N, C-alpha and C. Protein backbone atom coordinates (compact mmCIF):
# COMPACT_ATOMS: atom_id res chain seq x y z
N UNK A 1 -7.49 17.36 18.92
CA UNK A 1 -7.38 18.79 19.04
C UNK A 1 -8.66 19.30 19.68
N UNK A 2 -8.51 20.08 20.70
CA UNK A 2 -9.71 20.64 21.35
C UNK A 2 -9.93 22.05 20.81
N UNK A 3 -11.18 22.45 20.78
CA UNK A 3 -11.54 23.77 20.26
C UNK A 3 -12.15 24.58 21.39
N UNK A 4 -11.65 25.78 21.53
CA UNK A 4 -12.16 26.66 22.57
C UNK A 4 -13.53 27.21 22.14
N UNK A 5 -14.43 27.43 23.08
CA UNK A 5 -15.72 28.00 22.72
C UNK A 5 -15.53 29.34 22.01
N UNK A 6 -16.26 29.51 20.89
CA UNK A 6 -16.17 30.76 20.14
C UNK A 6 -15.11 30.74 19.04
N UNK A 7 -14.23 29.75 19.06
CA UNK A 7 -13.18 29.64 18.03
C UNK A 7 -13.80 29.03 16.77
N UNK A 8 -13.43 29.56 15.61
CA UNK A 8 -14.02 29.03 14.37
C UNK A 8 -13.15 27.93 13.73
N UNK A 9 -12.16 27.44 14.45
CA UNK A 9 -11.37 26.31 13.94
C UNK A 9 -12.21 25.04 14.00
N UNK A 10 -12.11 24.24 12.99
CA UNK A 10 -12.89 23.00 12.95
C UNK A 10 -12.03 21.84 13.42
N UNK A 11 -12.70 20.84 13.97
CA UNK A 11 -11.99 19.65 14.41
C UNK A 11 -11.55 18.85 13.18
N UNK A 12 -10.33 18.35 13.23
CA UNK A 12 -9.81 17.51 12.14
C UNK A 12 -9.07 16.34 12.76
N UNK A 13 -8.83 15.34 11.96
CA UNK A 13 -7.99 14.24 12.37
C UNK A 13 -7.25 13.71 11.15
N UNK A 14 -6.12 13.04 11.37
CA UNK A 14 -5.30 12.51 10.26
C UNK A 14 -6.03 11.32 9.64
N UNK A 15 -5.99 11.28 8.32
CA UNK A 15 -6.63 10.20 7.60
C UNK A 15 -5.84 9.95 6.32
N UNK A 16 -6.17 8.87 5.64
CA UNK A 16 -5.53 8.54 4.35
C UNK A 16 -6.60 8.59 3.27
N UNK A 17 -6.31 9.33 2.21
CA UNK A 17 -7.25 9.49 1.12
C UNK A 17 -7.49 8.15 0.43
N UNK A 18 -8.75 7.83 0.15
CA UNK A 18 -9.11 6.58 -0.50
C UNK A 18 -8.71 6.55 -1.98
N UNK A 19 -8.50 7.74 -2.57
CA UNK A 19 -8.17 7.80 -3.98
C UNK A 19 -6.66 7.89 -4.22
N UNK A 20 -6.02 8.91 -3.66
CA UNK A 20 -4.59 9.13 -3.94
C UNK A 20 -3.67 8.57 -2.85
N UNK A 21 -4.24 8.11 -1.74
CA UNK A 21 -3.52 7.49 -0.63
C UNK A 21 -2.56 8.44 0.09
N UNK A 22 -2.82 9.74 0.01
CA UNK A 22 -2.01 10.72 0.73
C UNK A 22 -2.58 10.90 2.13
N UNK A 23 -1.70 11.23 3.08
CA UNK A 23 -2.16 11.61 4.42
C UNK A 23 -2.72 13.02 4.35
N UNK A 24 -3.82 13.26 5.05
CA UNK A 24 -4.40 14.60 5.08
C UNK A 24 -5.15 14.78 6.38
N UNK A 25 -5.42 16.05 6.70
CA UNK A 25 -6.24 16.38 7.87
C UNK A 25 -7.68 16.45 7.41
N UNK A 26 -8.48 15.49 7.86
CA UNK A 26 -9.88 15.42 7.44
C UNK A 26 -10.74 16.21 8.42
N UNK A 27 -11.56 17.08 7.87
CA UNK A 27 -12.49 17.82 8.71
C UNK A 27 -13.63 16.90 9.10
N UNK A 28 -14.01 16.96 10.33
CA UNK A 28 -15.11 16.12 10.82
C UNK A 28 -16.46 16.55 10.26
N UNK A 29 -16.59 17.80 9.84
CA UNK A 29 -17.88 18.30 9.37
C UNK A 29 -17.97 18.32 7.84
N UNK A 30 -17.20 17.49 7.15
CA UNK A 30 -17.23 17.47 5.68
C UNK A 30 -17.65 16.08 5.19
N UNK A 31 -18.92 15.70 5.37
CA UNK A 31 -19.35 14.36 5.00
C UNK A 31 -19.26 14.05 3.52
N UNK A 32 -19.38 15.08 2.65
CA UNK A 32 -19.32 14.79 1.21
C UNK A 32 -17.91 14.39 0.78
N UNK A 33 -16.92 14.76 1.56
CA UNK A 33 -15.54 14.39 1.23
C UNK A 33 -15.08 13.20 2.05
N UNK A 34 -15.95 12.56 2.72
CA UNK A 34 -15.57 11.51 3.65
C UNK A 34 -14.64 10.50 2.99
N UNK A 35 -13.45 10.41 3.53
CA UNK A 35 -12.47 9.47 3.02
C UNK A 35 -11.57 10.02 1.93
N UNK A 36 -11.81 11.28 1.48
CA UNK A 36 -11.02 11.86 0.40
C UNK A 36 -10.39 13.17 0.86
N UNK A 37 -9.21 13.47 0.33
CA UNK A 37 -8.49 14.66 0.74
C UNK A 37 -8.99 15.93 0.05
N UNK A 38 -9.71 15.79 -1.06
CA UNK A 38 -10.19 16.96 -1.79
C UNK A 38 -11.42 16.60 -2.60
N UNK A 39 -12.06 17.62 -3.16
CA UNK A 39 -13.20 17.37 -4.04
C UNK A 39 -12.75 16.61 -5.27
N UNK A 40 -11.58 16.96 -5.79
CA UNK A 40 -11.07 16.28 -6.99
C UNK A 40 -10.91 14.78 -6.73
N UNK A 41 -10.35 14.42 -5.58
CA UNK A 41 -10.18 13.00 -5.27
C UNK A 41 -11.53 12.31 -5.03
N UNK A 42 -12.51 13.06 -4.49
CA UNK A 42 -13.82 12.44 -4.26
C UNK A 42 -14.52 12.13 -5.57
N UNK A 43 -14.12 12.80 -6.64
CA UNK A 43 -14.72 12.56 -7.95
C UNK A 43 -13.82 11.69 -8.84
N UNK A 44 -12.68 11.29 -8.32
CA UNK A 44 -11.73 10.51 -9.12
C UNK A 44 -12.08 9.03 -9.10
N UNK A 45 -11.65 8.35 -10.11
CA UNK A 45 -11.75 6.90 -10.24
C UNK A 45 -13.17 6.38 -10.00
N UNK A 46 -13.32 5.41 -9.13
CA UNK A 46 -14.61 4.74 -8.92
C UNK A 46 -15.70 5.69 -8.45
N UNK A 47 -15.33 6.77 -7.76
CA UNK A 47 -16.33 7.71 -7.25
C UNK A 47 -16.89 8.60 -8.35
N UNK A 48 -16.20 8.71 -9.46
CA UNK A 48 -16.66 9.59 -10.54
C UNK A 48 -17.82 8.93 -11.29
N UNK A 49 -18.86 9.70 -11.62
CA UNK A 49 -20.03 9.10 -12.29
C UNK A 49 -19.72 8.53 -13.67
N UNK A 50 -18.66 9.00 -14.33
CA UNK A 50 -18.32 8.49 -15.67
C UNK A 50 -17.28 7.37 -15.63
N UNK A 51 -16.89 6.92 -14.44
CA UNK A 51 -15.86 5.88 -14.31
C UNK A 51 -16.36 4.58 -14.96
N UNK A 52 -15.54 3.98 -15.84
CA UNK A 52 -15.94 2.75 -16.53
C UNK A 52 -15.15 1.54 -16.07
N UNK A 53 -14.16 1.73 -15.23
CA UNK A 53 -13.37 0.61 -14.72
C UNK A 53 -12.68 -0.16 -15.82
N UNK A 54 -12.85 -1.47 -15.84
CA UNK A 54 -12.18 -2.29 -16.85
C UNK A 54 -12.81 -2.15 -18.23
N UNK A 55 -13.98 -1.51 -18.32
CA UNK A 55 -14.63 -1.28 -19.61
C UNK A 55 -14.13 -0.02 -20.30
N UNK A 56 -13.19 0.68 -19.68
CA UNK A 56 -12.65 1.90 -20.28
C UNK A 56 -11.94 1.57 -21.57
N UNK A 57 -11.84 2.55 -22.44
CA UNK A 57 -11.19 2.35 -23.74
C UNK A 57 -9.68 2.39 -23.65
N UNK A 58 -9.05 2.11 -24.77
CA UNK A 58 -7.59 2.06 -24.90
C UNK A 58 -6.94 3.37 -24.44
N UNK A 59 -7.44 4.49 -24.95
CA UNK A 59 -6.85 5.79 -24.62
C UNK A 59 -7.05 6.11 -23.15
N UNK A 60 -8.25 5.84 -22.62
CA UNK A 60 -8.52 6.12 -21.21
C UNK A 60 -7.57 5.34 -20.30
N UNK A 61 -7.28 4.10 -20.65
CA UNK A 61 -6.37 3.29 -19.82
C UNK A 61 -4.95 3.83 -19.88
N UNK A 62 -4.52 4.31 -21.06
CA UNK A 62 -3.20 4.91 -21.14
C UNK A 62 -3.16 6.24 -20.37
N UNK A 63 -4.26 6.97 -20.35
CA UNK A 63 -4.31 8.21 -19.59
C UNK A 63 -4.22 7.94 -18.09
N UNK A 64 -4.79 6.83 -17.64
CA UNK A 64 -4.66 6.45 -16.22
C UNK A 64 -3.20 6.28 -15.86
N UNK A 65 -2.46 5.63 -16.74
CA UNK A 65 -1.02 5.41 -16.50
C UNK A 65 -0.32 6.76 -16.43
N UNK A 66 -0.64 7.64 -17.38
CA UNK A 66 -0.01 8.95 -17.42
C UNK A 66 -0.31 9.75 -16.15
N UNK A 67 -1.58 9.71 -15.69
CA UNK A 67 -1.94 10.43 -14.47
C UNK A 67 -1.27 9.83 -13.24
N UNK A 68 -1.16 8.52 -13.19
CA UNK A 68 -0.60 7.86 -12.01
C UNK A 68 0.93 7.88 -11.99
N UNK A 69 1.54 7.69 -13.16
CA UNK A 69 3.00 7.54 -13.21
C UNK A 69 3.71 8.72 -13.84
N UNK A 70 2.95 9.67 -14.36
CA UNK A 70 3.55 10.83 -15.00
C UNK A 70 3.90 10.54 -16.46
N UNK A 71 4.59 11.46 -17.08
CA UNK A 71 4.98 11.30 -18.48
C UNK A 71 6.09 10.25 -18.58
N UNK A 72 6.10 9.53 -19.69
CA UNK A 72 7.19 8.60 -19.96
C UNK A 72 8.45 9.43 -20.16
N UNK A 73 9.52 9.07 -19.47
CA UNK A 73 10.70 9.95 -19.43
C UNK A 73 11.89 9.44 -20.21
N UNK A 74 11.89 8.21 -20.64
CA UNK A 74 13.04 7.67 -21.37
C UNK A 74 12.68 6.32 -21.94
N UNK A 75 13.60 5.75 -22.68
CA UNK A 75 13.35 4.46 -23.30
C UNK A 75 14.05 3.36 -22.50
N UNK A 76 13.33 2.28 -22.19
CA UNK A 76 13.92 1.18 -21.44
C UNK A 76 15.05 0.51 -22.21
N UNK A 77 15.11 0.73 -23.53
CA UNK A 77 16.17 0.14 -24.35
C UNK A 77 17.37 1.08 -24.47
N UNK A 78 17.30 2.26 -23.84
CA UNK A 78 18.42 3.18 -23.83
C UNK A 78 18.46 4.16 -24.99
N UNK A 79 17.41 4.22 -25.79
CA UNK A 79 17.37 5.14 -26.93
C UNK A 79 17.17 6.57 -26.44
N UNK A 80 17.62 7.51 -27.24
CA UNK A 80 17.31 8.91 -26.97
C UNK A 80 16.41 9.39 -28.10
N UNK A 81 15.33 10.03 -27.73
CA UNK A 81 14.36 10.51 -28.71
C UNK A 81 13.67 11.74 -28.16
N UNK A 82 12.96 12.41 -29.03
CA UNK A 82 12.23 13.62 -28.64
C UNK A 82 10.93 13.26 -27.92
N UNK A 83 10.41 12.07 -28.19
CA UNK A 83 9.11 11.68 -27.64
C UNK A 83 9.18 10.28 -27.06
N UNK A 84 8.58 10.11 -25.87
CA UNK A 84 8.51 8.81 -25.22
C UNK A 84 7.05 8.50 -24.92
N UNK A 85 6.72 7.21 -24.89
CA UNK A 85 5.34 6.77 -24.68
C UNK A 85 5.32 5.63 -23.66
N UNK A 86 4.15 5.42 -23.06
CA UNK A 86 3.96 4.26 -22.20
C UNK A 86 3.51 3.10 -23.07
N UNK A 87 4.27 2.01 -23.09
CA UNK A 87 3.94 0.82 -23.88
C UNK A 87 3.47 -0.28 -22.95
N UNK A 88 2.32 -0.88 -23.26
CA UNK A 88 1.80 -1.98 -22.46
C UNK A 88 2.63 -3.23 -22.75
N UNK A 89 2.97 -3.97 -21.71
CA UNK A 89 3.87 -5.11 -21.87
C UNK A 89 3.18 -6.44 -22.10
N UNK A 90 2.04 -6.71 -21.44
CA UNK A 90 1.45 -8.05 -21.51
C UNK A 90 -0.06 -8.05 -21.78
N UNK A 91 -0.60 -6.98 -22.32
CA UNK A 91 -2.03 -6.84 -22.61
C UNK A 91 -2.90 -6.71 -21.37
N UNK A 92 -2.31 -6.47 -20.21
CA UNK A 92 -3.09 -6.19 -19.01
C UNK A 92 -3.19 -4.67 -18.88
N UNK A 93 -4.09 -4.06 -19.65
CA UNK A 93 -4.19 -2.61 -19.73
C UNK A 93 -4.72 -1.99 -18.45
N UNK A 94 -5.32 -2.78 -17.56
CA UNK A 94 -5.85 -2.24 -16.31
C UNK A 94 -4.78 -2.05 -15.25
N UNK A 95 -3.65 -2.74 -15.37
CA UNK A 95 -2.57 -2.66 -14.40
C UNK A 95 -1.61 -1.54 -14.80
N UNK A 96 -1.58 -0.45 -14.02
CA UNK A 96 -0.73 0.69 -14.39
C UNK A 96 0.75 0.37 -14.30
N UNK A 97 1.12 -0.73 -13.66
CA UNK A 97 2.53 -1.12 -13.56
C UNK A 97 2.93 -2.09 -14.66
N UNK A 98 2.01 -2.39 -15.58
CA UNK A 98 2.29 -3.28 -16.71
C UNK A 98 2.63 -2.46 -17.96
N UNK A 99 3.25 -1.32 -17.76
CA UNK A 99 3.65 -0.43 -18.85
C UNK A 99 5.12 -0.08 -18.67
N UNK A 100 5.83 0.11 -19.79
CA UNK A 100 7.22 0.54 -19.75
C UNK A 100 7.36 1.77 -20.63
N UNK A 101 8.26 2.64 -20.24
CA UNK A 101 8.53 3.84 -21.01
C UNK A 101 9.43 3.49 -22.20
N UNK A 102 8.99 3.85 -23.40
CA UNK A 102 9.75 3.57 -24.62
C UNK A 102 9.67 4.74 -25.57
N UNK A 103 10.68 4.86 -26.45
CA UNK A 103 10.58 5.84 -27.52
C UNK A 103 9.54 5.31 -28.51
N UNK A 104 9.04 6.18 -29.37
CA UNK A 104 7.97 5.80 -30.29
C UNK A 104 8.39 4.63 -31.19
N UNK A 105 9.60 4.66 -31.70
CA UNK A 105 10.08 3.60 -32.59
C UNK A 105 10.17 2.26 -31.87
N UNK A 106 10.75 2.25 -30.67
CA UNK A 106 10.84 0.99 -29.90
C UNK A 106 9.46 0.48 -29.51
N UNK A 107 8.53 1.39 -29.19
CA UNK A 107 7.17 1.00 -28.85
C UNK A 107 6.53 0.27 -30.04
N UNK A 108 6.67 0.83 -31.25
CA UNK A 108 6.11 0.19 -32.44
C UNK A 108 6.75 -1.17 -32.69
N UNK A 109 8.07 -1.23 -32.58
CA UNK A 109 8.78 -2.49 -32.80
C UNK A 109 8.38 -3.54 -31.77
N UNK A 110 8.24 -3.12 -30.52
CA UNK A 110 7.84 -4.04 -29.45
C UNK A 110 6.46 -4.61 -29.72
N UNK A 111 5.51 -3.73 -30.07
CA UNK A 111 4.14 -4.18 -30.36
C UNK A 111 4.11 -5.13 -31.56
N UNK A 112 4.88 -4.83 -32.60
CA UNK A 112 4.92 -5.70 -33.78
C UNK A 112 5.54 -7.05 -33.45
N UNK A 113 6.60 -7.07 -32.65
CA UNK A 113 7.24 -8.33 -32.26
C UNK A 113 6.29 -9.19 -31.44
N UNK A 114 5.58 -8.56 -30.49
CA UNK A 114 4.61 -9.31 -29.68
C UNK A 114 3.49 -9.86 -30.54
N UNK A 115 2.98 -9.05 -31.47
CA UNK A 115 1.88 -9.48 -32.33
C UNK A 115 2.29 -10.65 -33.21
N UNK A 116 3.53 -10.66 -33.67
CA UNK A 116 3.98 -11.73 -34.57
C UNK A 116 4.19 -13.05 -33.84
N UNK A 117 4.31 -13.02 -32.52
CA UNK A 117 4.53 -14.25 -31.75
C UNK A 117 3.24 -14.89 -31.25
N UNK A 118 2.13 -14.19 -31.36
CA UNK A 118 0.86 -14.72 -30.88
C UNK A 118 0.31 -15.78 -31.83
N UNK A 119 -0.38 -16.78 -31.31
CA UNK A 119 -0.99 -17.79 -32.17
C UNK A 119 -1.98 -17.12 -33.12
N UNK A 120 -1.95 -17.52 -34.38
CA UNK A 120 -2.84 -16.93 -35.37
C UNK A 120 -2.47 -15.51 -35.70
N UNK A 121 -1.20 -15.17 -35.52
CA UNK A 121 -0.76 -13.79 -35.74
C UNK A 121 -0.88 -13.41 -37.20
N UNK A 122 -1.12 -12.15 -37.42
CA UNK A 122 -1.18 -11.62 -38.77
C UNK A 122 0.25 -11.52 -39.30
N UNK A 123 0.41 -11.60 -40.61
CA UNK A 123 1.74 -11.55 -41.22
C UNK A 123 2.40 -10.21 -40.97
N UNK A 124 1.65 -9.16 -40.99
CA UNK A 124 2.17 -7.81 -40.83
C UNK A 124 1.34 -7.10 -39.78
N UNK A 125 1.94 -6.19 -39.03
CA UNK A 125 1.23 -5.52 -37.95
C UNK A 125 0.01 -4.75 -38.45
N UNK A 126 0.03 -4.27 -39.69
CA UNK A 126 -1.09 -3.50 -40.22
C UNK A 126 -2.07 -4.35 -41.02
N UNK A 127 -1.85 -5.65 -41.10
CA UNK A 127 -2.71 -6.52 -41.89
C UNK A 127 -4.11 -6.58 -41.29
N UNK A 128 -5.11 -6.57 -42.15
CA UNK A 128 -6.50 -6.63 -41.70
C UNK A 128 -6.98 -8.07 -41.52
N UNK A 129 -6.32 -9.00 -42.19
CA UNK A 129 -6.73 -10.41 -42.12
C UNK A 129 -5.51 -11.28 -41.86
N UNK A 130 -5.74 -12.50 -41.44
CA UNK A 130 -4.66 -13.44 -41.21
C UNK A 130 -4.31 -14.17 -42.50
N UNK A 131 -3.21 -14.87 -42.46
CA UNK A 131 -2.79 -15.66 -43.62
C UNK A 131 -3.84 -16.72 -43.96
N UNK A 132 -4.41 -17.35 -42.94
CA UNK A 132 -5.43 -18.37 -43.17
C UNK A 132 -6.67 -17.78 -43.85
N UNK A 133 -7.06 -16.57 -43.43
CA UNK A 133 -8.21 -15.92 -44.06
C UNK A 133 -7.93 -15.60 -45.53
N UNK A 134 -6.70 -15.17 -45.83
CA UNK A 134 -6.33 -14.86 -47.22
C UNK A 134 -6.39 -16.12 -48.08
N UNK A 135 -5.86 -17.22 -47.56
CA UNK A 135 -5.90 -18.48 -48.32
C UNK A 135 -7.33 -18.96 -48.54
N UNK A 136 -8.16 -18.86 -47.51
CA UNK A 136 -9.55 -19.26 -47.63
C UNK A 136 -10.29 -18.38 -48.65
N UNK A 137 -10.00 -17.09 -48.64
CA UNK A 137 -10.64 -16.17 -49.60
C UNK A 137 -10.27 -16.54 -51.03
N UNK A 138 -9.00 -16.89 -51.26
CA UNK A 138 -8.56 -17.30 -52.60
C UNK A 138 -9.33 -18.55 -53.04
N UNK A 139 -9.47 -19.51 -52.14
CA UNK A 139 -10.19 -20.75 -52.46
C UNK A 139 -11.67 -20.48 -52.74
N UNK A 140 -12.28 -19.58 -51.96
CA UNK A 140 -13.70 -19.28 -52.15
C UNK A 140 -13.96 -18.63 -53.50
N UNK A 141 -13.09 -17.72 -53.91
CA UNK A 141 -13.25 -17.07 -55.22
C UNK A 141 -13.02 -18.08 -56.34
N UNK A 142 -12.02 -18.96 -56.15
CA UNK A 142 -11.75 -19.99 -57.15
C UNK A 142 -12.94 -20.95 -57.28
N UNK A 143 -13.69 -21.14 -56.18
CA UNK A 143 -14.86 -22.03 -56.20
C UNK A 143 -16.09 -21.37 -56.81
N UNK A 144 -16.00 -20.08 -57.16
CA UNK A 144 -17.11 -19.44 -57.85
C UNK A 144 -17.79 -18.30 -57.12
N UNK A 145 -17.44 -18.04 -55.84
CA UNK A 145 -18.05 -16.90 -55.15
C UNK A 145 -17.50 -15.60 -55.74
N UNK A 146 -18.29 -14.54 -55.67
CA UNK A 146 -17.82 -13.26 -56.20
C UNK A 146 -16.82 -12.63 -55.23
N UNK A 147 -15.91 -11.84 -55.79
CA UNK A 147 -14.92 -11.15 -54.97
C UNK A 147 -15.60 -10.19 -54.01
N UNK A 148 -16.65 -9.53 -54.46
CA UNK A 148 -17.37 -8.57 -53.61
C UNK A 148 -17.95 -9.27 -52.38
N UNK A 149 -18.59 -10.42 -52.58
CA UNK A 149 -19.21 -11.15 -51.46
C UNK A 149 -18.16 -11.64 -50.47
N UNK A 150 -17.07 -12.19 -50.99
CA UNK A 150 -16.00 -12.71 -50.11
C UNK A 150 -15.34 -11.56 -49.35
N UNK A 151 -15.05 -10.46 -50.05
CA UNK A 151 -14.41 -9.31 -49.41
C UNK A 151 -15.28 -8.74 -48.30
N UNK A 152 -16.57 -8.60 -48.55
CA UNK A 152 -17.49 -8.10 -47.52
C UNK A 152 -17.53 -9.04 -46.32
N UNK A 153 -17.50 -10.33 -46.59
CA UNK A 153 -17.57 -11.33 -45.52
C UNK A 153 -16.36 -11.28 -44.59
N UNK A 154 -15.16 -11.03 -45.15
CA UNK A 154 -13.95 -11.03 -44.31
C UNK A 154 -13.52 -9.63 -43.89
N UNK A 155 -14.24 -8.62 -44.37
CA UNK A 155 -13.99 -7.26 -43.89
C UNK A 155 -12.88 -6.51 -44.59
N UNK A 156 -12.66 -6.76 -45.87
CA UNK A 156 -11.68 -6.00 -46.63
C UNK A 156 -12.34 -5.47 -47.90
N UNK A 157 -11.65 -4.57 -48.58
CA UNK A 157 -12.19 -4.03 -49.83
C UNK A 157 -12.03 -5.06 -50.95
N UNK A 158 -12.90 -4.99 -51.94
CA UNK A 158 -12.83 -5.90 -53.08
C UNK A 158 -11.51 -5.71 -53.81
N UNK A 159 -11.02 -4.48 -53.91
CA UNK A 159 -9.74 -4.22 -54.59
C UNK A 159 -8.58 -4.90 -53.87
N UNK A 160 -8.64 -4.94 -52.55
CA UNK A 160 -7.60 -5.62 -51.77
C UNK A 160 -7.64 -7.11 -52.03
N UNK A 161 -8.84 -7.67 -52.07
CA UNK A 161 -8.97 -9.10 -52.36
C UNK A 161 -8.44 -9.41 -53.76
N UNK A 162 -8.73 -8.54 -54.71
CA UNK A 162 -8.23 -8.73 -56.07
C UNK A 162 -6.70 -8.75 -56.09
N UNK A 163 -6.07 -7.87 -55.32
CA UNK A 163 -4.61 -7.82 -55.25
C UNK A 163 -4.05 -9.08 -54.59
N UNK A 164 -4.75 -9.61 -53.60
CA UNK A 164 -4.32 -10.86 -52.96
C UNK A 164 -4.38 -12.01 -53.97
N UNK A 165 -5.46 -12.08 -54.73
CA UNK A 165 -5.64 -13.16 -55.71
C UNK A 165 -4.58 -13.07 -56.81
N UNK A 166 -4.27 -11.84 -57.27
CA UNK A 166 -3.27 -11.66 -58.32
C UNK A 166 -1.84 -11.85 -57.81
N UNK A 167 -1.64 -11.80 -56.50
CA UNK A 167 -0.30 -11.94 -55.93
C UNK A 167 0.41 -10.62 -55.72
N UNK A 168 -0.30 -9.50 -55.89
CA UNK A 168 0.29 -8.19 -55.64
C UNK A 168 0.44 -7.94 -54.13
N UNK A 169 -0.45 -8.55 -53.34
CA UNK A 169 -0.35 -8.52 -51.88
C UNK A 169 -0.28 -9.96 -51.40
N UNK A 170 0.31 -10.18 -50.25
CA UNK A 170 0.48 -11.52 -49.69
C UNK A 170 1.23 -12.41 -50.71
N UNK A 171 2.33 -11.88 -51.23
CA UNK A 171 3.11 -12.54 -52.28
C UNK A 171 3.65 -13.89 -51.85
N UNK A 172 3.89 -14.05 -50.58
CA UNK A 172 4.52 -15.28 -50.07
C UNK A 172 3.56 -16.48 -50.03
N UNK A 173 2.26 -16.26 -50.24
CA UNK A 173 1.29 -17.36 -50.16
C UNK A 173 1.44 -18.31 -51.34
N UNK A 174 1.26 -19.60 -51.06
CA UNK A 174 1.24 -20.62 -52.12
C UNK A 174 -0.13 -20.59 -52.77
N UNK A 175 -0.18 -20.27 -54.05
CA UNK A 175 -1.46 -20.18 -54.77
C UNK A 175 -1.66 -21.41 -55.60
């Protein structure tokens, strides 16, 4: 595009934004936006000073999916619900395409089923320790260690360890 002398139109050319990958008319005299379609895109992702990349937390990674793919709109299992969520499929939280839209109940069931199939899986999705840790704790207390010391060592409350030893929790264990 040519500019006539005295015209205040700026020279532009077609470009692709490095952040959102949209086509846009880039102004030649906007070096701070070089490669980006807007100020927002120039501050997005890797260009943003607070960007953590793969070190981002669980919630931040789910928010990336939400920003990139929008709200979860339905359940892949065909359920109808008031609320849908993005569920990670294979623990690759950095890949925004490794998520499926599920209702809250299916998301919880999916996560519990995956957790139970992993080697060294906990007996229950909310369990703080594994079955092996519970058995070892029972043996350590039987050998004379205090419940307080063993509980602190494995990261549970002394009252929880007492319930495991009595059989009120982890009832299926051979004592």
